[in-house]
């Protein structure tokens, strides 16, 4: 992923925020995001006046190290990648959030302490709330505070998983793990992903991704064409299955799958 000038980050967000409206009804919120679905009506009613719905496109930068997150995002139909930018401008993914959780909550409540960049990896709809408003509600309602803690724990667990996977598994297994997990968490067999984006997230060369994708396609595991990857064979490698099992268990701790997905 090429570096993005810090001064243009907020402009980019404005240009891709194509739709913004009031959040769905209370029951609608409980159906669309597994994190919100776990809140009681009392807790959710504290957040609802501050929630808005936004449609964000692939590539939107939500925050970075020099522009702290001012909003927290609950994905409804998209996926946010959490990446760390290297000094040379390259970025490597350290976690991601789909509709099982929320993205943009800093540790210790200090939004300026975020060292990451939040990027919309798969465009879609998101429920958004100001970080200050969410943290204020958490200080008044232990249920909301617990939810924030679980979302932070989810990011920490992913970072640990990815560090272990990168240390012991070759690029092809890491590719399988990443694709399989994305499909599982998006509950989709077809993903809108470019090889360039995958290479950036995994920290490998695009030519390596091309070779891996060609091999998997020849084996009948995936079908790739023009930025669209279809998972043909759900028999994932052991590496991918192990990570996916932990991811599913952890996501279930945070919140149930949205009702529309059950």
C-alpha atoms as a PDB file:
ATOM      1  CA  UNK A   1       0.000   0.000   0.000  1.00  0.00           C
ATOM      2  CA  UNK A   2       1.592   3.309  -1.011  1.00  0.00           C
ATOM      3  CA  UNK A   3       2.061   5.987   1.648  1.00  0.00           C
ATOM      4  CA  UNK A   4      -0.679   8.607   1.900  1.00  0.00           C
ATOM      5  CA  UNK A   5       0.187  12.224   2.664  1.00  0.00           C
ATOM      6  CA  UNK A   6      -1.007  13.055   6.153  1.00  0.00           C
ATOM      7  CA  UNK A   7      -2.579  16.299   5.029  1.00  0.00           C
ATOM      8  CA  UNK A   8      -4.878  14.517   2.599  1.00  0.00           C
ATOM      9  CA  UNK A   9      -6.241  11.877   4.945  1.00  0.00           C
ATOM     10  CA  UNK A  10      -9.334  13.765   6.086  1.00  0.00           C
ATOM     11  CA  UNK A  11     -10.016  14.972   2.571  1.00  0.00           C
ATOM     12  CA  UNK A  12      -9.995  11.385   1.393  1.00  0.00           C
ATOM     13  CA  UNK A  13     -12.514  10.415   4.057  1.00  0.00           C
ATOM     14  CA  UNK A  14     -14.835  13.223   2.986  1.00  0.00           C
ATOM     15  CA  UNK A  15     -14.629  12.270  -0.680  1.00  0.00           C
ATOM     16  CA  UNK A  16     -15.530   8.621  -0.162  1.00  0.00           C
ATOM     17  CA  UNK A  17     -18.199   9.117   2.514  1.00  0.00           C
ATOM     18  CA  UNK A  18     -20.849   8.956  -0.170  1.00  0.00           C
ATOM     19  CA  UNK A  19     -23.838   8.576   2.122  1.00  0.00           C
ATOM     20  CA  UNK A  20     -24.503   9.663   5.667  1.00  0.00           C
ATOM     21  CA  UNK A  21     -27.785   9.304   7.497  1.00  0.00           C
ATOM     22  CA  UNK A  22     -29.249   8.609  10.887  1.00  0.00           C
ATOM     23  CA  UNK A  23     -28.606   5.157  12.270  1.00  0.00           C
ATOM     24  CA  UNK A  24     -31.208   2.408  11.793  1.00  0.00           C
ATOM     25  CA  UNK A  25     -33.844   1.718  14.422  1.00  0.00           C
ATOM     26  CA  UNK A  26     -32.790   0.135  17.703  1.00  0.00           C
ATOM     27  CA  UNK A  27     -33.831  -3.290  16.498  1.00  0.00           C
ATOM     28  CA  UNK A  28     -32.059  -2.649  13.198  1.00  0.00           C
ATOM     29  CA  UNK A  29     -28.836  -1.865  15.052  1.00  0.00           C
ATOM     30  CA  UNK A  30     -29.095  -5.115  17.004  1.00  0.00           C
ATOM     31  CA  UNK A  31     -29.385  -7.049  13.744  1.00  0.00           C
ATOM     32  CA  UNK A  32     -26.621  -5.380  11.741  1.00  0.00           C
ATOM     33  CA  UNK A  33     -23.575  -5.585  13.995  1.00  0.00           C
ATOM     34  CA  UNK A  34     -22.714  -8.443  16.341  1.00  0.00           C
ATOM     35  CA  UNK A  35     -21.087  -6.035  18.789  1.00  0.00           C
ATOM     36  CA  UNK A  36     -24.147  -3.813  19.082  1.00  0.00           C
ATOM     37  CA  UNK A  37     -26.430  -6.833  19.222  1.00  0.00           C
ATOM     38  CA  UNK A  38     -24.992  -7.759  22.618  1.00  0.00           C
ATOM     39  CA  UNK A  39     -25.969  -4.461  24.223  1.00  0.00           C
ATOM     40  CA  UNK A  40     -29.147  -4.209  26.254  1.00  0.00           C
ATOM     41  CA  UNK A  41     -31.818  -1.774  25.117  1.00  0.00           C
ATOM     42  CA  UNK A  42     -30.821   0.518  27.980  1.00  0.00           C
ATOM     43  CA  UNK A  43     -27.173   0.645  26.912  1.00  0.00           C
ATOM     44  CA  UNK A  44     -28.019   0.957  23.237  1.00  0.00           C
ATOM     45  CA  UNK A  45     -30.401   3.836  23.943  1.00  0.00           C
ATOM     46  CA  UNK A  46     -27.454   5.771  25.400  1.00  0.00           C
ATOM     47  CA  UNK A  47     -25.534   5.424  22.147  1.00  0.00           C
ATOM     48  CA  UNK A  48     -28.311   5.739  19.583  1.00  0.00           C
ATOM     49  CA  UNK A  49     -28.594   9.582  19.562  1.00  0.00           C
ATOM     50  CA  UNK A  50     -24.911   9.754  18.582  1.00  0.00           C
ATOM     51  CA  UNK A  51     -24.901   7.032  15.917  1.00  0.00           C
ATOM     52  CA  UNK A  52     -24.932   7.730  12.189  1.00  0.00           C
ATOM     53  CA  UNK A  53     -24.725   5.425   9.200  1.00  0.00           C
ATOM     54  CA  UNK A  54     -22.101   5.975   6.514  1.00  0.00           C
ATOM     55  CA  UNK A  55     -21.212   4.279   3.249  1.00  0.00           C
ATOM     56  CA  UNK A  56     -17.446   4.146   2.775  1.00  0.00           C
ATOM     57  CA  UNK A  57     -15.494   2.992  -0.259  1.00  0.00           C
ATOM     58  CA  UNK A  58     -12.419   0.798  -0.477  1.00  0.00           C
ATOM     59  CA  UNK A  59      -9.260   2.738   0.337  1.00  0.00           C
ATOM     60  CA  UNK A  60     -10.828   5.286   2.687  1.00  0.00           C
ATOM     61  CA  UNK A  61      -8.379   6.240   5.428  1.00  0.00           C
ATOM     62  CA  UNK A  62     -10.214   6.578   8.738  1.00  0.00           C
ATOM     63  CA  UNK A  63      -7.253   7.551  10.905  1.00  0.00           C
ATOM     64  CA  UNK A  64      -3.483   7.323  11.064  1.00  0.00           C
ATOM     65  CA  UNK A  65      -0.708   7.879  13.603  1.00  0.00           C
ATOM     66  CA  UNK A  66      -0.605  11.644  13.055  1.00  0.00           C
ATOM     67  CA  UNK A  67      -4.369  12.069  12.771  1.00  0.00           C
ATOM     68  CA  UNK A  68      -5.890  10.227  15.739  1.00  0.00           C
ATOM     69  CA  UNK A  69      -9.213   8.479  15.372  1.00  0.00           C
ATOM     70  CA  UNK A  70     -12.081  10.810  16.215  1.00  0.00           C
ATOM     71  CA  UNK A  71     -14.741   8.215  15.390  1.00  0.00           C
ATOM     72  CA  UNK A  72     -15.354   4.563  16.171  1.00  0.00           C
ATOM     73  CA  UNK A  73     -16.785   2.362  13.402  1.00  0.00           C
ATOM     74  CA  UNK A  74     -19.109  -0.629  13.698  1.00  0.00           C
ATOM     75  CA  UNK A  75     -18.983  -2.395  10.301  1.00  0.00           C
ATOM     76  CA  UNK A  76     -22.286  -3.567   8.852  1.00  0.00           C
ATOM     77  CA  UNK A  77     -21.222  -4.876   5.450  1.00  0.00           C
ATOM     78  CA  UNK A  78     -17.586  -3.842   5.057  1.00  0.00           C
ATOM     79  CA  UNK A  79     -14.166  -4.615   6.538  1.00  0.00           C
ATOM     80  CA  UNK A  80     -11.575  -2.306   8.088  1.00  0.00           C
ATOM     81  CA  UNK A  81      -7.883  -3.208   8.047  1.00  0.00           C
ATOM     82  CA  UNK A  82      -5.670  -1.983  10.867  1.00  0.00           C
ATOM     83  CA  UNK A  83      -2.179  -1.446   9.507  1.00  0.00           C
ATOM     84  CA  UNK A  84       1.172  -0.158  10.732  1.00  0.00           C
ATOM     85  CA  UNK A  85       3.069   2.118   8.363  1.00  0.00           C
ATOM     86  CA  UNK A  86       6.792   1.418   8.043  1.00  0.00           C
ATOM     87  CA  UNK A  87       9.382   4.214   7.658  1.00  0.00           C
ATOM     88  CA  UNK A  88       9.725   3.373   3.950  1.00  0.00           C
ATOM     89  CA  UNK A  89       5.996   3.899   3.423  1.00  0.00           C
ATOM     90  CA  UNK A  90       5.022   0.232   3.239  1.00  0.00           C
ATOM     91  CA  UNK A  91       2.114  -0.942   5.381  1.00  0.00           C
ATOM     92  CA  UNK A  92       1.515  -4.295   7.091  1.00  0.00           C
ATOM     93  CA  UNK A  93      -1.784  -5.432   8.551  1.00  0.00           C
ATOM     94  CA  UNK A  94      -1.891  -6.178  12.285  1.00  0.00           C
ATOM     95  CA  UNK A  95      -5.633  -6.780  12.534  1.00  0.00           C
ATOM     96  CA  UNK A  96      -9.001  -6.244  10.912  1.00  0.00           C
ATOM     97  CA  UNK A  97     -12.587  -5.689  11.951  1.00  0.00           C
ATOM     98  CA  UNK A  98     -15.778  -6.828  10.265  1.00  0.00           C
ATOM     99  CA  UNK A  99     -19.254  -6.795  11.754  1.00  0.00           C
ATOM    100  CA  UNK A 100     -18.243  -8.861  14.761  1.00  0.00           C
ATOM    101  CA  UNK A 101     -16.713  -5.828  16.533  1.00  0.00           C
ATOM    102  CA  UNK A 102     -15.729  -2.150  16.264  1.00  0.00           C
ATOM    103  CA  UNK A 103     -12.622  -0.315  15.068  1.00  0.00           C
ATOM    104  CA  UNK A 104     -11.033   2.920  16.211  1.00  0.00           C
ATOM    105  CA  UNK A 105     -10.994   2.516  19.996  1.00  0.00           C
ATOM    106  CA  UNK A 106      -7.544   3.259  21.407  1.00  0.00           C
ATOM    107  CA  UNK A 107      -6.048   1.502  24.417  1.00  0.00           C
ATOM    108  CA  UNK A 108      -6.289   3.367  27.749  1.00  0.00           C
ATOM    109  CA  UNK A 109      -8.841   5.731  26.187  1.00  0.00           C
ATOM    110  CA  UNK A 110      -6.133   7.935  24.665  1.00  0.00           C
ATOM    111  CA  UNK A 111      -7.036   8.314  20.996  1.00  0.00           C
ATOM    112  CA  UNK A 112      -3.749  10.145  20.303  1.00  0.00           C
ATOM    113  CA  UNK A 113      -1.877   6.964  21.323  1.00  0.00           C
ATOM    114  CA  UNK A 114      -2.929   5.071  18.193  1.00  0.00           C
ATOM    115  CA  UNK A 115       0.156   4.105  16.178  1.00  0.00           C
ATOM    116  CA  UNK A 116      -1.873   2.455  13.438  1.00  0.00           C
ATOM    117  CA  UNK A 117      -3.765   3.451  10.339  1.00  0.00           C
ATOM    118  CA  UNK A 118      -7.367   2.426   9.744  1.00  0.00           C
ATOM    119  CA  UNK A 119      -8.186   1.672   6.109  1.00  0.00           C
ATOM    120  CA  UNK A 120     -11.432   0.455   4.575  1.00  0.00           C
ATOM    121  CA  UNK A 121     -10.336  -2.769   2.888  1.00  0.00           C
ATOM    122  CA  UNK A 122     -13.790  -3.841   1.686  1.00  0.00           C
ATOM    123  CA  UNK A 123     -16.265  -1.029   1.126  1.00  0.00           C
ATOM    124  CA  UNK A 124     -19.756  -1.079   2.563  1.00  0.00           C
ATOM    125  CA  UNK A 125     -21.951   0.364   5.276  1.00  0.00           C
ATOM    126  CA  UNK A 126     -20.724   1.337   8.732  1.00  0.00           C
ATOM    127  CA  UNK A 127     -22.312   2.663  11.912  1.00  0.00           C
ATOM    128  CA  UNK A 128     -20.262   5.521  13.295  1.00  0.00           C
ATOM    129  CA  UNK A 129     -20.038   7.273  16.672  1.00  0.00           C
ATOM    130  CA  UNK A 130     -17.664   9.904  18.022  1.00  0.00           C
ATOM    131  CA  UNK A 131     -14.908   8.291  20.106  1.00  0.00           C
ATOM    132  CA  UNK A 132     -15.356  10.859  22.886  1.00  0.00           C
ATOM    133  CA  UNK A 133     -19.085  10.161  23.015  1.00  0.00           C
ATOM    134  CA  UNK A 134     -18.530   6.410  23.187  1.00  0.00           C
ATOM    135  CA  UNK A 135     -15.951   6.707  25.964  1.00  0.00           C
ATOM    136  CA  UNK A 136     -18.217   9.081  27.868  1.00  0.00           C
ATOM    137  CA  UNK A 137     -21.066   6.574  27.669  1.00  0.00           C
ATOM    138  CA  UNK A 138     -18.697   3.816  28.807  1.00  0.00           C
ATOM    139  CA  UNK A 139     -17.824   5.818  31.936  1.00  0.00           C
ATOM    140  CA  UNK A 140     -21.517   5.855  32.849  1.00  0.00           C
ATOM    141  CA  UNK A 141     -22.471   2.339  31.800  1.00  0.00           C
ATOM    142  CA  UNK A 142     -20.303  -0.689  32.709  1.00  0.00           C
ATOM    143  CA  UNK A 143     -21.906  -2.731  29.941  1.00  0.00           C
ATOM    144  CA  UNK A 144     -20.586  -0.350  27.286  1.00  0.00           C
ATOM    145  CA  UNK A 145     -17.214  -0.252  29.033  1.00  0.00           C
ATOM    146  CA  UNK A 146     -17.019  -4.049  28.937  1.00  0.00           C
ATOM    147  CA  UNK A 147     -17.854  -4.016  25.240  1.00  0.00           C
ATOM    148  CA  UNK A 148     -14.966  -1.636  24.547  1.00  0.00           C
ATOM    149  CA  UNK A 149     -12.618  -3.890  26.519  1.00  0.00           C
ATOM    150  CA  UNK A 150     -13.623  -6.914  24.439  1.00  0.00           C
ATOM    151  CA  UNK A 151     -13.028  -5.006  21.197  1.00  0.00           C
ATOM    152  CA  UNK A 152      -9.563  -4.025  22.395  1.00  0.00           C
ATOM    153  CA  UNK A 153      -8.843  -7.609  23.412  1.00  0.00           C
ATOM    154  CA  UNK A 154      -9.948  -8.755  19.944  1.00  0.00           C
ATOM    155  CA  UNK A 155      -7.366  -6.492  18.310  1.00  0.00           C
ATOM    156  CA  UNK A 156      -4.640  -7.684  20.673  1.00  0.00           C
ATOM    157  CA  UNK A 157      -5.437 -11.337  19.982  1.00  0.00           C
ATOM    158  CA  UNK A 158      -5.307 -10.760  16.227  1.00  0.00           C
ATOM    159  CA  UNK A 159      -1.923  -9.037  16.505  1.00  0.00           C
ATOM    160  CA  UNK A 160      -0.598 -12.042  18.433  1.00  0.00           C
ATOM    161  CA  UNK A 161      -2.017 -14.488  15.888  1.00  0.00           C
ATOM    162  CA  UNK A 162      -0.587 -12.594  12.939  1.00  0.00           C
ATOM    163  CA  UNK A 163       2.848 -12.289  14.565  1.00  0.00           C
ATOM    164  CA  UNK A 164       2.954 -16.057  15.154  1.00  0.00           C
ATOM    165  CA  UNK A 165       1.665 -16.863  11.669  1.00  0.00           C
ATOM    166  CA  UNK A 166       4.178 -14.546   9.987  1.00  0.00           C
ATOM    167  CA  UNK A 167       7.019 -16.111  11.972  1.00  0.00           C
ATOM    168  CA  UNK A 168       6.337 -19.788  11.229  1.00  0.00           C
ATOM    169  CA  UNK A 169       4.268 -20.002   8.040  1.00  0.00           C
ATOM    170  CA  UNK A 170       5.357 -19.402   4.437  1.00  0.00           C
ATOM    171  CA  UNK A 171       3.630 -16.884   2.196  1.00  0.00           C
ATOM    172  CA  UNK A 172       1.174 -19.346   0.617  1.00  0.00           C
ATOM    173  CA  UNK A 173      -0.240 -20.439   3.996  1.00  0.00           C
ATOM    174  CA  UNK A 174      -0.486 -16.823   5.142  1.00  0.00           C
ATOM    175  CA  UNK A 175      -2.351 -16.007   1.940  1.00  0.00           C
ATOM    176  CA  UNK A 176      -4.794 -18.879   2.567  1.00  0.00           C
ATOM    177  CA  UNK A 177      -5.297 -17.833   6.173  1.00  0.00           C
ATOM    178  CA  UNK A 178      -6.033 -14.239   5.174  1.00  0.00           C
ATOM    179  CA  UNK A 179      -8.470 -15.119   2.376  1.00  0.00           C
ATOM    180  CA  UNK A 180     -10.233 -17.807   4.399  1.00  0.00           C
ATOM    181  CA  UNK A 181     -10.679 -15.544   7.424  1.00  0.00           C
ATOM    182  CA  UNK A 182     -11.989 -12.688   5.268  1.00  0.00           C
ATOM    183  CA  UNK A 183     -14.548 -14.981   3.665  1.00  0.00           C
ATOM    184  CA  UNK A 184     -15.587 -16.394   7.028  1.00  0.00           C
ATOM    185  CA  UNK A 185     -16.024 -13.024   8.718  1.00  0.00           C
ATOM    186  CA  UNK A 186     -17.700 -11.389   5.711  1.00  0.00           C
ATOM    187  CA  UNK A 187     -19.880 -14.507   5.352  1.00  0.00           C
ATOM    188  CA  UNK A 188     -19.204 -14.487   1.628  1.00  0.00           C
ATOM    189  CA  UNK A 189     -17.572 -16.763  -0.908  1.00  0.00           C
ATOM    190  CA  UNK A 190     -16.659 -13.861  -3.203  1.00  0.00           C
ATOM    191  CA  UNK A 191     -14.508 -10.955  -2.062  1.00  0.00           C
ATOM    192  CA  UNK A 192     -13.656  -7.683  -3.818  1.00  0.00           C
ATOM    193  CA  UNK A 193      -9.890  -7.702  -3.284  1.00  0.00           C
ATOM    194  CA  UNK A 194      -7.005  -6.767  -5.539  1.00  0.00           C
ATOM    195  CA  UNK A 195      -3.704  -8.633  -5.517  1.00  0.00           C
ATOM    196  CA  UNK A 196      -1.973  -5.359  -4.688  1.00  0.00           C
ATOM    197  CA  UNK A 197      -4.112  -4.939  -1.556  1.00  0.00           C
ATOM    198  CA  UNK A 198      -3.449  -8.524  -0.439  1.00  0.00           C
ATOM    199  CA  UNK A 199       0.286  -8.105  -0.966  1.00  0.00           C
ATOM    200  CA  UNK A 200       0.244  -4.943   1.116  1.00  0.00           C
ATOM    201  CA  UNK A 201      -1.707  -6.538   3.962  1.00  0.00           C
ATOM    202  CA  UNK A 202       0.615  -9.550   4.087  1.00  0.00           C
ATOM    203  CA  UNK A 203       3.823  -7.589   3.580  1.00  0.00           C
ATOM    204  CA  UNK A 204       4.895  -9.593   0.523  1.00  0.00           C
ATOM    205  CA  UNK A 205       5.540  -8.784  -3.125  1.00  0.00           C
ATOM    206  CA  UNK A 206       2.647  -8.565  -5.551  1.00  0.00           C
ATOM    207  CA  UNK A 207       4.400 -11.034  -7.856  1.00  0.00           C
ATOM    208  CA  UNK A 208       4.399 -13.531  -4.977  1.00  0.00           C
ATOM    209  CA  UNK A 209       0.652 -13.065  -4.527  1.00  0.00           C
ATOM    210  CA  UNK A 210       0.151 -13.588  -8.267  1.00  0.00           C
ATOM    211  CA  UNK A 211       2.057 -16.879  -8.203  1.00  0.00           C
ATOM    212  CA  UNK A 212       0.171 -18.121  -5.129  1.00  0.00           C
ATOM    213  CA  UNK A 213      -3.201 -17.140  -6.622  1.00  0.00           C
ATOM    214  CA  UNK A 214      -2.341 -18.912  -9.889  1.00  0.00           C
ATOM    215  CA  UNK A 215      -1.394 -22.085  -8.021  1.00  0.00           C
ATOM    216  CA  UNK A 216      -4.567 -22.073  -5.902  1.00  0.00           C
ATOM    217  CA  UNK A 217      -6.694 -21.391  -8.969  1.00  0.00           C
ATOM    218  CA  UNK A 218      -5.075 -24.299 -10.811  1.00  0.00           C
ATOM    219  CA  UNK A 219      -5.901 -26.492  -7.788  1.00  0.00           C
ATOM    220  CA  UNK A 220      -9.515 -25.327  -7.887  1.00  0.00           C
ATOM    221  CA  UNK A 221      -9.364 -23.676  -4.452  1.00  0.00           C
ATOM    222  CA  UNK A 222     -10.105 -20.152  -5.657  1.00  0.00           C
ATOM    223  CA  UNK A 223     -11.117 -18.335  -8.811  1.00  0.00           C
ATOM    224  CA  UNK A 224      -9.559 -14.929  -9.386  1.00  0.00           C
ATOM    225  CA  UNK A 225     -10.472 -12.316 -11.965  1.00  0.00           C
ATOM    226  CA  UNK A 226     -10.227  -8.516 -12.071  1.00  0.00           C
ATOM    227  CA  UNK A 227     -10.045  -7.761  -8.377  1.00  0.00           C
ATOM    228  CA  UNK A 228     -12.569 -10.417  -7.394  1.00  0.00           C
ATOM    229  CA  UNK A 229     -11.629 -13.595  -5.544  1.00  0.00           C
ATOM    230  CA  UNK A 230     -14.122 -16.447  -5.247  1.00  0.00           C
ATOM    231  CA  UNK A 231     -13.425 -19.202  -2.721  1.00  0.00           C
ATOM    232  CA  UNK A 232     -14.252 -22.449  -4.509  1.00  0.00           C
ATOM    233  CA  UNK A 233     -12.937 -24.916  -1.939  1.00  0.00           C
ATOM    234  CA  UNK A 234     -13.713 -24.333   1.732  1.00  0.00           C
ATOM    235  CA  UNK A 235     -11.239 -27.057   2.731  1.00  0.00           C
ATOM    236  CA  UNK A 236      -8.736 -24.587   4.106  1.00  0.00           C
ATOM    237  CA  UNK A 237      -5.139 -25.463   4.983  1.00  0.00           C
ATOM    238  CA  UNK A 238      -4.579 -26.395   8.633  1.00  0.00           C
ATOM    239  CA  UNK A 239      -2.967 -23.016   9.285  1.00  0.00           C
ATOM    240  CA  UNK A 240      -6.082 -21.200   8.064  1.00  0.00           C
ATOM    241  CA  UNK A 241      -8.479 -23.500   9.924  1.00  0.00           C
ATOM    242  CA  UNK A 242      -6.600 -23.049  13.219  1.00  0.00           C
ATOM    243  CA  UNK A 243      -6.633 -19.269  12.953  1.00  0.00           C
ATOM    244  CA  UNK A 244     -10.247 -19.213  11.785  1.00  0.00           C
ATOM    245  CA  UNK A 245     -11.340 -21.381  14.726  1.00  0.00           C
ATOM    246  CA  UNK A 246      -9.694 -19.014  17.208  1.00  0.00           C
ATOM    247  CA  UNK A 247     -11.120 -16.015  15.373  1.00  0.00           C
ATOM    248  CA  UNK A 248     -14.633 -17.464  15.468  1.00  0.00           C
ATOM    249  CA  UNK A 249     -14.352 -18.312  19.165  1.00  0.00           C
ATOM    250  CA  UNK A 250     -13.087 -14.829  19.999  1.00  0.00           C
ATOM    251  CA  UNK A 251     -15.711 -13.113  17.861  1.00  0.00           C
ATOM    252  CA  UNK A 252     -18.399 -15.074  19.664  1.00  0.00           C
ATOM    253  CA  UNK A 253     -17.025 -13.760  22.968  1.00  0.00           C
ATOM    254  CA  UNK A 254     -17.460 -10.219  21.684  1.00  0.00           C
ATOM    255  CA  UNK A 255     -20.914 -10.638  20.210  1.00  0.00           C
ATOM    256  CA  UNK A 256     -23.228 -13.027  18.480  1.00  0.00           C
ATOM    257  CA  UNK A 257     -23.346 -13.093  14.720  1.00  0.00           C
ATOM    258  CA  UNK A 258     -25.914 -10.541  13.514  1.00  0.00           C
ATOM    259  CA  UNK A 259     -29.387 -12.018  13.358  1.00  0.00           C
ATOM    260  CA  UNK A 260     -29.563 -11.512   9.595  1.00  0.00           C
ATOM    261  CA  UNK A 261     -26.591 -13.873   9.255  1.00  0.00           C
ATOM    262  CA  UNK A 262     -27.958 -16.693  11.369  1.00  0.00           C
END
